[in-house]
Amino acid sequence: CPTFRPSSGVPMLPLALDALLDVMEARFEASRVDKERAAILSEAAMVNTIDYRIEVQLLTALHQENRLRKRFPIGLTEQIAAWTPSEVATYHRSHYRPNNAHLYVIGDIDPNFTEE
């Protein structure tokens, strides 16, 4: 993100860090999980074209030796449809931890302000 908001000159770093905190401390109410699930499944249906299916087959063949052959951005719709809010929360707690995250701050910014 830009260092300062162009219209007001307000520093953007605190806003970006607040957004990151929201991700790290996410809550998983059933209604929000269902809404996000519907959005992901809708997106999966939109990209499920012949070109996409060919690309999946090609990447699967090219990457037999690594995980990419099984991992595509949207994931498996059968799994997405079946996940419960509890399972999503458990996955999040396991993987979205401060000790499992990296934060890079790059740009024309005061290091002392960044550390505060």
N, C-alpha and C. Protein backbone atom coordinates (compact mmCIF):
# COMPACT_ATOMS: atom_id res chain seq x y z
N CYS A 1 0.85 -1.18 0.00
CA CYS A 1 0.00 0.00 0.00
C CYS A 1 0.90 1.24 0.00
N PRO A 2 0.36 2.36 -0.40
CA PRO A 2 1.19 3.58 -0.37
C PRO A 2 1.55 3.95 1.07
N THR A 3 2.63 4.72 1.20
CA THR A 3 3.08 5.13 2.53
C THR A 3 2.06 6.05 3.20
N PHE A 4 1.51 6.98 2.42
CA PHE A 4 0.52 7.92 2.95
C PHE A 4 -0.69 7.92 2.03
N ARG A 5 -1.85 8.16 2.62
CA ARG A 5 -3.08 8.28 1.83
C ARG A 5 -2.97 9.55 1.00
N PRO A 6 -3.06 9.44 -0.34
CA PRO A 6 -2.84 10.60 -1.21
C PRO A 6 -3.76 11.78 -0.92
N SER A 7 -5.00 11.53 -0.58
CA SER A 7 -5.96 12.62 -0.40
C SER A 7 -5.77 13.38 0.91
N SER A 8 -5.22 12.71 1.94
CA SER A 8 -5.16 13.36 3.25
C SER A 8 -3.77 13.37 3.87
N GLY A 9 -2.85 12.60 3.33
CA GLY A 9 -1.52 12.52 3.92
C GLY A 9 -1.45 11.68 5.18
N VAL A 10 -2.54 10.96 5.50
CA VAL A 10 -2.59 10.10 6.69
C VAL A 10 -1.72 8.87 6.43
N PRO A 11 -0.89 8.48 7.40
CA PRO A 11 -0.06 7.29 7.22
C PRO A 11 -0.92 6.04 7.01
N MET A 12 -0.53 5.21 6.04
CA MET A 12 -1.28 4.01 5.71
C MET A 12 -0.84 2.79 6.53
N LEU A 13 0.37 2.81 7.09
CA LEU A 13 0.87 1.65 7.82
C LEU A 13 -0.07 1.22 8.95
N PRO A 14 -0.57 2.13 9.80
CA PRO A 14 -1.49 1.67 10.85
C PRO A 14 -2.74 0.99 10.29
N LEU A 15 -3.25 1.47 9.18
CA LEU A 15 -4.43 0.85 8.57
C LEU A 15 -4.09 -0.54 8.04
N ALA A 16 -2.92 -0.68 7.42
CA ALA A 16 -2.50 -1.98 6.90
C ALA A 16 -2.29 -2.97 8.05
N LEU A 17 -1.70 -2.51 9.15
CA LEU A 17 -1.48 -3.39 10.30
C LEU A 17 -2.80 -3.77 10.96
N ASP A 18 -3.77 -2.87 10.97
CA ASP A 18 -5.10 -3.21 11.49
C ASP A 18 -5.75 -4.30 10.64
N ALA A 19 -5.59 -4.19 9.32
CA ALA A 19 -6.14 -5.22 8.43
C ALA A 19 -5.46 -6.56 8.68
N LEU A 20 -4.15 -6.55 8.87
CA LEU A 20 -3.42 -7.78 9.17
C LEU A 20 -3.90 -8.37 10.49
N LEU A 21 -4.12 -7.53 11.49
CA LEU A 21 -4.62 -8.00 12.79
C LEU A 21 -5.99 -8.66 12.64
N ASP A 22 -6.85 -8.08 11.78
CA ASP A 22 -8.16 -8.69 11.54
C ASP A 22 -8.01 -10.11 10.98
N VAL A 23 -7.04 -10.32 10.11
CA VAL A 23 -6.81 -11.65 9.55
C VAL A 23 -6.31 -12.59 10.63
N MET A 24 -5.37 -12.12 11.44
CA MET A 24 -4.77 -12.98 12.46
C MET A 24 -5.75 -13.33 13.58
N GLU A 25 -6.69 -12.43 13.87
CA GLU A 25 -7.64 -12.65 14.96
C GLU A 25 -9.05 -12.91 14.44
N ALA A 26 -9.16 -13.51 13.28
CA ALA A 26 -10.46 -13.71 12.64
C ALA A 26 -11.41 -14.51 13.53
N ARG A 27 -12.69 -14.18 13.42
CA ARG A 27 -13.74 -14.93 14.11
C ARG A 27 -14.54 -15.67 13.04
N PHE A 28 -15.09 -16.79 13.43
CA PHE A 28 -15.73 -17.65 12.43
C PHE A 28 -17.18 -17.94 12.80
N GLU A 29 -18.02 -16.91 12.70
CA GLU A 29 -19.45 -17.12 12.90
C GLU A 29 -19.98 -17.93 11.72
N ALA A 30 -20.92 -18.81 12.00
CA ALA A 30 -21.45 -19.71 10.97
C ALA A 30 -21.97 -18.93 9.76
N SER A 31 -22.65 -17.81 10.00
CA SER A 31 -23.22 -17.04 8.88
C SER A 31 -22.13 -16.48 7.98
N ARG A 32 -21.01 -16.04 8.57
CA ARG A 32 -19.91 -15.50 7.76
C ARG A 32 -19.21 -16.61 6.98
N VAL A 33 -19.03 -17.77 7.61
CA VAL A 33 -18.42 -18.89 6.91
C VAL A 33 -19.30 -19.32 5.75
N ASP A 34 -20.61 -19.40 5.96
CA ASP A 34 -21.53 -19.79 4.88
C ASP A 34 -21.52 -18.78 3.75
N LYS A 35 -21.45 -17.48 4.09
CA LYS A 35 -21.42 -16.44 3.06
C LYS A 35 -20.13 -16.55 2.22
N GLU A 36 -18.99 -16.74 2.89
CA GLU A 36 -17.73 -16.87 2.18
C GLU A 36 -17.69 -18.15 1.35
N ARG A 37 -18.24 -19.23 1.90
CA ARG A 37 -18.31 -20.49 1.17
C ARG A 37 -19.11 -20.31 -0.13
N ALA A 38 -20.22 -19.63 -0.04
CA ALA A 38 -21.05 -19.40 -1.23
C ALA A 38 -20.28 -18.59 -2.26
N ALA A 39 -19.52 -17.59 -1.82
CA ALA A 39 -18.74 -16.76 -2.74
C ALA A 39 -17.66 -17.60 -3.43
N ILE A 40 -16.97 -18.44 -2.66
CA ILE A 40 -15.90 -19.27 -3.23
C ILE A 40 -16.47 -20.28 -4.21
N LEU A 41 -17.56 -20.92 -3.85
CA LEU A 41 -18.17 -21.90 -4.76
C LEU A 41 -18.71 -21.24 -6.03
N SER A 42 -19.21 -20.02 -5.89
CA SER A 42 -19.66 -19.28 -7.07
C SER A 42 -18.49 -18.96 -7.98
N GLU A 43 -17.37 -18.53 -7.39
CA GLU A 43 -16.18 -18.24 -8.18
C GLU A 43 -15.67 -19.51 -8.86
N ALA A 44 -15.69 -20.62 -8.14
CA ALA A 44 -15.24 -21.89 -8.72
C ALA A 44 -16.10 -22.26 -9.93
N ALA A 45 -17.40 -22.03 -9.83
CA ALA A 45 -18.29 -22.35 -10.95
C ALA A 45 -18.01 -21.44 -12.14
N MET A 46 -17.67 -20.17 -11.88
CA MET A 46 -17.40 -19.23 -12.98
C MET A 46 -16.12 -19.57 -13.74
N VAL A 47 -15.10 -20.06 -13.04
CA VAL A 47 -13.83 -20.34 -13.72
C VAL A 47 -13.76 -21.76 -14.26
N ASN A 48 -14.78 -22.55 -14.01
CA ASN A 48 -14.77 -23.94 -14.44
C ASN A 48 -15.09 -24.04 -15.94
N THR A 49 -14.17 -23.53 -16.73
CA THR A 49 -14.32 -23.56 -18.19
C THR A 49 -13.43 -24.65 -18.75
N ILE A 50 -13.58 -24.93 -20.02
CA ILE A 50 -12.72 -25.93 -20.66
C ILE A 50 -11.26 -25.49 -20.60
N ASP A 51 -11.00 -24.19 -20.77
CA ASP A 51 -9.62 -23.70 -20.68
C ASP A 51 -9.02 -23.94 -19.30
N TYR A 52 -9.80 -23.70 -18.26
CA TYR A 52 -9.32 -23.92 -16.90
C TYR A 52 -9.04 -25.40 -16.66
N ARG A 53 -9.95 -26.26 -17.11
CA ARG A 53 -9.76 -27.70 -16.90
C ARG A 53 -8.52 -28.21 -17.65
N ILE A 54 -8.26 -27.67 -18.83
CA ILE A 54 -7.06 -28.04 -19.59
C ILE A 54 -5.82 -27.56 -18.82
N GLU A 55 -5.87 -26.33 -18.31
CA GLU A 55 -4.74 -25.79 -17.55
C GLU A 55 -4.46 -26.64 -16.30
N VAL A 56 -5.50 -27.08 -15.62
CA VAL A 56 -5.33 -27.94 -14.45
C VAL A 56 -4.66 -29.25 -14.85
N GLN A 57 -5.09 -29.85 -15.94
CA GLN A 57 -4.48 -31.10 -16.40
C GLN A 57 -3.02 -30.89 -16.78
N LEU A 58 -2.73 -29.78 -17.45
CA LEU A 58 -1.36 -29.48 -17.85
C LEU A 58 -0.47 -29.27 -16.63
N LEU A 59 -0.92 -28.46 -15.67
CA LEU A 59 -0.13 -28.23 -14.46
C LEU A 59 0.05 -29.51 -13.65
N THR A 60 -0.98 -30.34 -13.63
CA THR A 60 -0.88 -31.62 -12.92
C THR A 60 0.21 -32.48 -13.55
N ALA A 61 0.26 -32.51 -14.87
CA ALA A 61 1.28 -33.31 -15.57
C ALA A 61 2.67 -32.72 -15.40
N LEU A 62 2.78 -31.39 -15.45
CA LEU A 62 4.08 -30.74 -15.36
C LEU A 62 4.68 -30.77 -13.95
N HIS A 63 3.83 -30.91 -12.95
CA HIS A 63 4.29 -30.81 -11.56
C HIS A 63 4.04 -32.09 -10.78
N GLN A 64 4.28 -33.22 -11.40
CA GLN A 64 4.07 -34.50 -10.73
C GLN A 64 4.92 -34.65 -9.46
N GLU A 65 6.08 -33.99 -9.44
CA GLU A 65 7.01 -34.19 -8.32
C GLU A 65 6.74 -33.28 -7.13
N ASN A 66 5.76 -32.37 -7.21
CA ASN A 66 5.52 -31.47 -6.08
C ASN A 66 4.03 -31.28 -5.81
N ARG A 67 3.73 -30.49 -4.81
CA ARG A 67 2.34 -30.31 -4.36
C ARG A 67 1.47 -29.52 -5.33
N LEU A 68 2.07 -28.76 -6.20
CA LEU A 68 1.27 -27.92 -7.10
C LEU A 68 0.30 -28.75 -7.92
N ARG A 69 0.65 -30.00 -8.20
CA ARG A 69 -0.23 -30.83 -9.01
C ARG A 69 -1.59 -31.07 -8.34
N LYS A 70 -1.66 -30.88 -7.01
CA LYS A 70 -2.90 -31.11 -6.28
C LYS A 70 -3.48 -29.84 -5.68
N ARG A 71 -2.75 -28.73 -5.74
CA ARG A 71 -3.19 -27.52 -5.05
C ARG A 71 -3.42 -26.39 -6.04
N PHE A 72 -4.66 -26.03 -6.17
CA PHE A 72 -5.01 -24.92 -7.04
C PHE A 72 -5.68 -23.85 -6.18
N PRO A 73 -5.65 -22.61 -6.61
CA PRO A 73 -6.07 -21.51 -5.74
C PRO A 73 -7.43 -21.68 -5.07
N ILE A 74 -8.42 -22.14 -5.78
CA ILE A 74 -9.75 -22.23 -5.17
C ILE A 74 -9.86 -23.46 -4.28
N GLY A 75 -9.19 -24.52 -4.61
CA GLY A 75 -9.27 -25.74 -3.81
C GLY A 75 -10.31 -26.70 -4.37
N LEU A 76 -10.61 -27.72 -3.59
CA LEU A 76 -11.58 -28.73 -4.00
C LEU A 76 -12.96 -28.33 -3.50
N THR A 77 -13.89 -28.19 -4.45
CA THR A 77 -15.23 -27.71 -4.08
C THR A 77 -15.92 -28.66 -3.10
N GLU A 78 -15.64 -29.96 -3.21
CA GLU A 78 -16.26 -30.91 -2.29
C GLU A 78 -15.82 -30.61 -0.84
N GLN A 79 -14.56 -30.28 -0.66
CA GLN A 79 -14.07 -29.96 0.67
C GLN A 79 -14.64 -28.64 1.16
N ILE A 80 -14.65 -27.65 0.29
CA ILE A 80 -15.17 -26.33 0.67
C ILE A 80 -16.63 -26.44 1.09
N ALA A 81 -17.41 -27.22 0.37
CA ALA A 81 -18.83 -27.38 0.69
C ALA A 81 -19.03 -28.09 2.02
N ALA A 82 -18.09 -28.94 2.41
CA ALA A 82 -18.27 -29.77 3.61
C ALA A 82 -17.70 -29.16 4.88
N TRP A 83 -16.78 -28.21 4.80
CA TRP A 83 -16.13 -27.67 6.00
C TRP A 83 -17.13 -27.01 6.93
N THR A 84 -16.96 -27.25 8.21
CA THR A 84 -17.78 -26.59 9.23
C THR A 84 -17.03 -25.37 9.74
N PRO A 85 -17.75 -24.42 10.34
CA PRO A 85 -17.05 -23.27 10.94
C PRO A 85 -15.99 -23.71 11.95
N SER A 86 -16.26 -24.76 12.68
CA SER A 86 -15.28 -25.26 13.65
C SER A 86 -14.01 -25.74 12.97
N GLU A 87 -14.15 -26.44 11.85
CA GLU A 87 -12.98 -26.92 11.12
C GLU A 87 -12.18 -25.76 10.52
N VAL A 88 -12.88 -24.75 10.02
CA VAL A 88 -12.19 -23.57 9.48
C VAL A 88 -11.43 -22.86 10.59
N ALA A 89 -12.05 -22.71 11.75
CA ALA A 89 -11.40 -22.06 12.89
C ALA A 89 -10.17 -22.86 13.34
N THR A 90 -10.27 -24.17 13.37
CA THR A 90 -9.14 -25.01 13.77
C THR A 90 -7.98 -24.85 12.79
N TYR A 91 -8.29 -24.85 11.49
CA TYR A 91 -7.25 -24.65 10.48
C TYR A 91 -6.59 -23.28 10.67
N HIS A 92 -7.41 -22.27 10.87
CA HIS A 92 -6.90 -20.90 11.04
C HIS A 92 -5.98 -20.81 12.26
N ARG A 93 -6.41 -21.38 13.38
CA ARG A 93 -5.57 -21.35 14.59
C ARG A 93 -4.24 -22.07 14.37
N SER A 94 -4.25 -23.11 13.56
CA SER A 94 -3.03 -23.89 13.31
C SER A 94 -2.04 -23.16 12.41
N HIS A 95 -2.55 -22.40 11.46
CA HIS A 95 -1.68 -21.83 10.42
C HIS A 95 -1.51 -20.31 10.47
N TYR A 96 -2.49 -19.59 10.97
CA TYR A 96 -2.42 -18.13 11.00
C TYR A 96 -2.02 -17.68 12.40
N ARG A 97 -0.74 -17.90 12.72
CA ARG A 97 -0.18 -17.56 14.03
C ARG A 97 0.93 -16.54 13.82
N PRO A 98 1.14 -15.67 14.80
CA PRO A 98 2.24 -14.70 14.67
C PRO A 98 3.59 -15.37 14.42
N ASN A 99 3.84 -16.51 15.02
CA ASN A 99 5.13 -17.17 14.81
C ASN A 99 5.20 -17.91 13.48
N ASN A 100 4.14 -17.85 12.70
CA ASN A 100 4.11 -18.48 11.39
C ASN A 100 3.88 -17.43 10.30
N ALA A 101 4.11 -16.16 10.64
CA ALA A 101 3.86 -15.06 9.70
C ALA A 101 5.12 -14.23 9.53
N HIS A 102 5.23 -13.61 8.39
CA HIS A 102 6.34 -12.69 8.11
C HIS A 102 5.75 -11.36 7.70
N LEU A 103 6.30 -10.30 8.22
CA LEU A 103 5.85 -8.96 7.87
C LEU A 103 7.04 -8.19 7.31
N TYR A 104 6.89 -7.71 6.10
CA TYR A 104 7.93 -6.91 5.46
C TYR A 104 7.38 -5.50 5.26
N VAL A 105 8.09 -4.52 5.76
CA VAL A 105 7.71 -3.12 5.56
C VAL A 105 8.79 -2.49 4.70
N ILE A 106 8.41 -2.09 3.51
CA ILE A 106 9.36 -1.58 2.53
C ILE A 106 8.86 -0.23 2.04
N GLY A 107 9.77 0.70 1.92
CA GLY A 107 9.38 1.98 1.35
C GLY A 107 10.02 3.14 2.09
N ASP A 108 9.59 4.31 1.71
CA ASP A 108 10.10 5.55 2.30
C ASP A 108 9.32 5.80 3.58
N ILE A 109 9.75 5.14 4.66
CA ILE A 109 9.02 5.21 5.92
C ILE A 109 10.02 5.29 7.07
N ASP A 110 9.64 6.02 8.10
CA ASP A 110 10.51 6.19 9.27
C ASP A 110 10.56 4.89 10.05
N PRO A 111 11.75 4.29 10.24
CA PRO A 111 11.85 3.02 10.98
C PRO A 111 11.32 3.12 12.41
N ASN A 112 11.52 4.25 13.07
CA ASN A 112 11.03 4.41 14.44
C ASN A 112 9.50 4.40 14.47
N PHE A 113 8.88 5.07 13.50
CA PHE A 113 7.41 5.07 13.41
C PHE A 113 6.91 3.66 13.14
N THR A 114 7.63 2.93 12.31
CA THR A 114 7.22 1.56 11.97
C THR A 114 7.27 0.66 13.20
N GLU A 115 8.30 0.79 14.00
CA GLU A 115 8.42 -0.07 15.19
C GLU A 115 7.37 0.25 16.24
N GLU A 116 6.96 1.51 16.34
CA GLU A 116 5.91 1.90 17.31
C GLU A 116 4.63 1.22 16.96
